[in-house]
Amino acid sequence: MTRTENITMTNGEFAHLGEGSVAYLRK
């Protein structure tokens, strides 16, 4: 998954995944 796609799905998926998304992005 590219960083661009990550940012696009961040808005919705971020709240859904919660810390999981944060850990993935921080990685």
PDB file of N, CA and C in Angstrom:
ATOM      1  N   MET A   1       0.847  -1.201   0.000  1.00  0.00           N
ATOM      2  CA  MET A   1       0.000   0.000   0.000  1.00  0.00           C
ATOM      3  C   MET A   1       0.882   1.251   0.000  1.00  0.00           C
ATOM      4  N   THR A   2       0.618   2.138  -0.905  1.00  0.00           N
ATOM      5  CA  THR A   2       1.438   3.347  -0.992  1.00  0.00           C
ATOM      6  C   THR A   2       1.036   4.336   0.089  1.00  0.00           C
ATOM      7  N   ARG A   3       1.868   5.288   0.343  1.00  0.00           N
ATOM      8  CA  ARG A   3       1.579   6.281   1.377  1.00  0.00           C
ATOM      9  C   ARG A   3       0.371   7.123   0.973  1.00  0.00           C
ATOM     10  N   THR A   4       0.209   7.375  -0.321  1.00  0.00           N
ATOM     11  CA  THR A   4      -0.923   8.173  -0.794  1.00  0.00           C
ATOM     12  C   THR A   4      -2.227   7.472  -0.452  1.00  0.00           C
ATOM     13  N   GLU A   5      -2.293   6.169  -0.715  1.00  0.00           N
ATOM     14  CA  GLU A   5      -3.505   5.408  -0.407  1.00  0.00           C
ATOM     15  C   GLU A   5      -3.733   5.380   1.095  1.00  0.00           C
ATOM     16  N   ASN A   6      -2.663   5.317   1.843  1.00  0.00           N
ATOM     17  CA  ASN A   6      -2.774   5.297   3.298  1.00  0.00           C
ATOM     18  C   ASN A   6      -3.447   6.565   3.796  1.00  0.00           C
ATOM     19  N   ILE A   7      -3.031   7.700   3.272  1.00  0.00           N
ATOM     20  CA  ILE A   7      -3.601   8.983   3.684  1.00  0.00           C
ATOM     21  C   ILE A   7      -5.073   9.057   3.287  1.00  0.00           C
ATOM     22  N   THR A   8      -5.399   8.543   2.110  1.00  0.00           N
ATOM     23  CA  THR A   8      -6.774   8.599   1.623  1.00  0.00           C
ATOM     24  C   THR A   8      -7.701   7.804   2.528  1.00  0.00           C
ATOM     25  N   MET A   9      -7.266   6.637   2.954  1.00  0.00           N
ATOM     26  CA  MET A   9      -8.105   5.794   3.799  1.00  0.00           C
ATOM     27  C   MET A   9      -7.959   6.146   5.276  1.00  0.00           C
ATOM     28  N   THR A  10      -7.017   7.012   5.585  1.00  0.00           N
ATOM     29  CA  THR A  10      -6.792   7.382   6.985  1.00  0.00           C
ATOM     30  C   THR A  10      -8.048   7.978   7.606  1.00  0.00           C
ATOM     31  N   ASN A  11      -8.699   8.890   6.919  1.00  0.00           N
ATOM     32  CA  ASN A  11      -9.887   9.553   7.451  1.00  0.00           C
ATOM     33  C   ASN A  11     -10.906   8.566   7.996  1.00  0.00           C
ATOM     34  N   GLY A  12     -11.267   7.561   7.216  1.00  0.00           N
ATOM     35  CA  GLY A  12     -12.278   6.597   7.652  1.00  0.00           C
ATOM     36  C   GLY A  12     -11.681   5.461   8.453  1.00  0.00           C
ATOM     37  N   GLU A  13     -10.644   4.852   7.904  1.00  0.00           N
ATOM     38  CA  GLU A  13     -10.047   3.689   8.555  1.00  0.00           C
ATOM     39  C   GLU A  13      -9.344   4.057   9.862  1.00  0.00           C
ATOM     40  N   PHE A  14      -8.809   5.249   9.934  1.00  0.00           N
ATOM     41  CA  PHE A  14      -8.086   5.663  11.135  1.00  0.00           C
ATOM     42  C   PHE A  14      -8.955   5.504  12.377  1.00  0.00           C
ATOM     43  N   ALA A  15     -10.171   6.035  12.329  1.00  0.00           N
ATOM     44  CA  ALA A  15     -11.078   5.941  13.476  1.00  0.00           C
ATOM     45  C   ALA A  15     -11.501   4.499  13.704  1.00  0.00           C
ATOM     46  N   HIS A  16     -11.628   3.738  12.629  1.00  0.00           N
ATOM     47  CA  HIS A  16     -12.076   2.346  12.734  1.00  0.00           C
ATOM     48  C   HIS A  16     -10.985   1.467  13.338  1.00  0.00           C
ATOM     49  N   LEU A  17      -9.774   1.612  12.834  1.00  0.00           N
ATOM     50  CA  LEU A  17      -8.670   0.785  13.318  1.00  0.00           C
ATOM     51  C   LEU A  17      -8.124   1.298  14.645  1.00  0.00           C
ATOM     52  N   GLY A  18      -8.212   2.604  14.832  1.00  0.00           N
ATOM     53  CA  GLY A  18      -7.754   3.180  16.095  1.00  0.00           C
ATOM     54  C   GLY A  18      -6.245   3.073  16.240  1.00  0.00           C
ATOM     55  N   GLU A  19      -5.796   2.550  17.348  1.00  0.00           N
ATOM     56  CA  GLU A  19      -4.355   2.444  17.606  1.00  0.00           C
ATOM     57  C   GLU A  19      -3.661   1.597  16.553  1.00  0.00           C
ATOM     58  N   GLY A  20      -4.358   0.628  16.008  1.00  0.00           N
ATOM     59  CA  GLY A  20      -3.765  -0.229  14.987  1.00  0.00           C
ATOM     60  C   GLY A  20      -3.273   0.606  13.816  1.00  0.00           C
ATOM     61  N   SER A  21      -4.080   1.595  13.419  1.00  0.00           N
ATOM     62  CA  SER A  21      -3.701   2.449  12.301  1.00  0.00           C
ATOM     63  C   SER A  21      -2.520   3.335  12.693  1.00  0.00           C
ATOM     64  N   VAL A  22      -2.559   3.842  13.898  1.00  0.00           N
ATOM     65  CA  VAL A  22      -1.486   4.720  14.369  1.00  0.00           C
ATOM     66  C   VAL A  22      -0.166   3.967  14.375  1.00  0.00           C
ATOM     67  N   ALA A  23      -0.192   2.754  14.903  1.00  0.00           N
ATOM     68  CA  ALA A  23       1.027   1.950  14.968  1.00  0.00           C
ATOM     69  C   ALA A  23       1.556   1.676  13.564  1.00  0.00           C
ATOM     70  N   TYR A  24       0.637   1.440  12.637  1.00  0.00           N
ATOM     71  CA  TYR A  24       1.052   1.140  11.264  1.00  0.00           C
ATOM     72  C   TYR A  24       1.674   2.371  10.610  1.00  0.00           C
ATOM     73  N   LEU A  25       1.059   3.513  10.799  1.00  0.00           N
ATOM     74  CA  LEU A  25       1.574   4.741  10.197  1.00  0.00           C
ATOM     75  C   LEU A  25       2.897   5.143  10.851  1.00  0.00           C
ATOM     76  N   ARG A  26       3.000   4.949  12.167  1.00  0.00           N
ATOM     77  CA  ARG A  26       4.228   5.325  12.873  1.00  0.00           C
ATOM     78  C   ARG A  26       5.364   4.408  12.478  1.00  0.00           C
ATOM     79  N   LYS A  27       5.045   3.203  12.069  1.00  0.00           N
ATOM     80  CA  LYS A  27       6.065   2.250  11.657  1.00  0.00           C
ATOM     81  C   LYS A  27       6.741   2.800  10.416  1.00  0.00           C
TER      82      LYS A  27
END
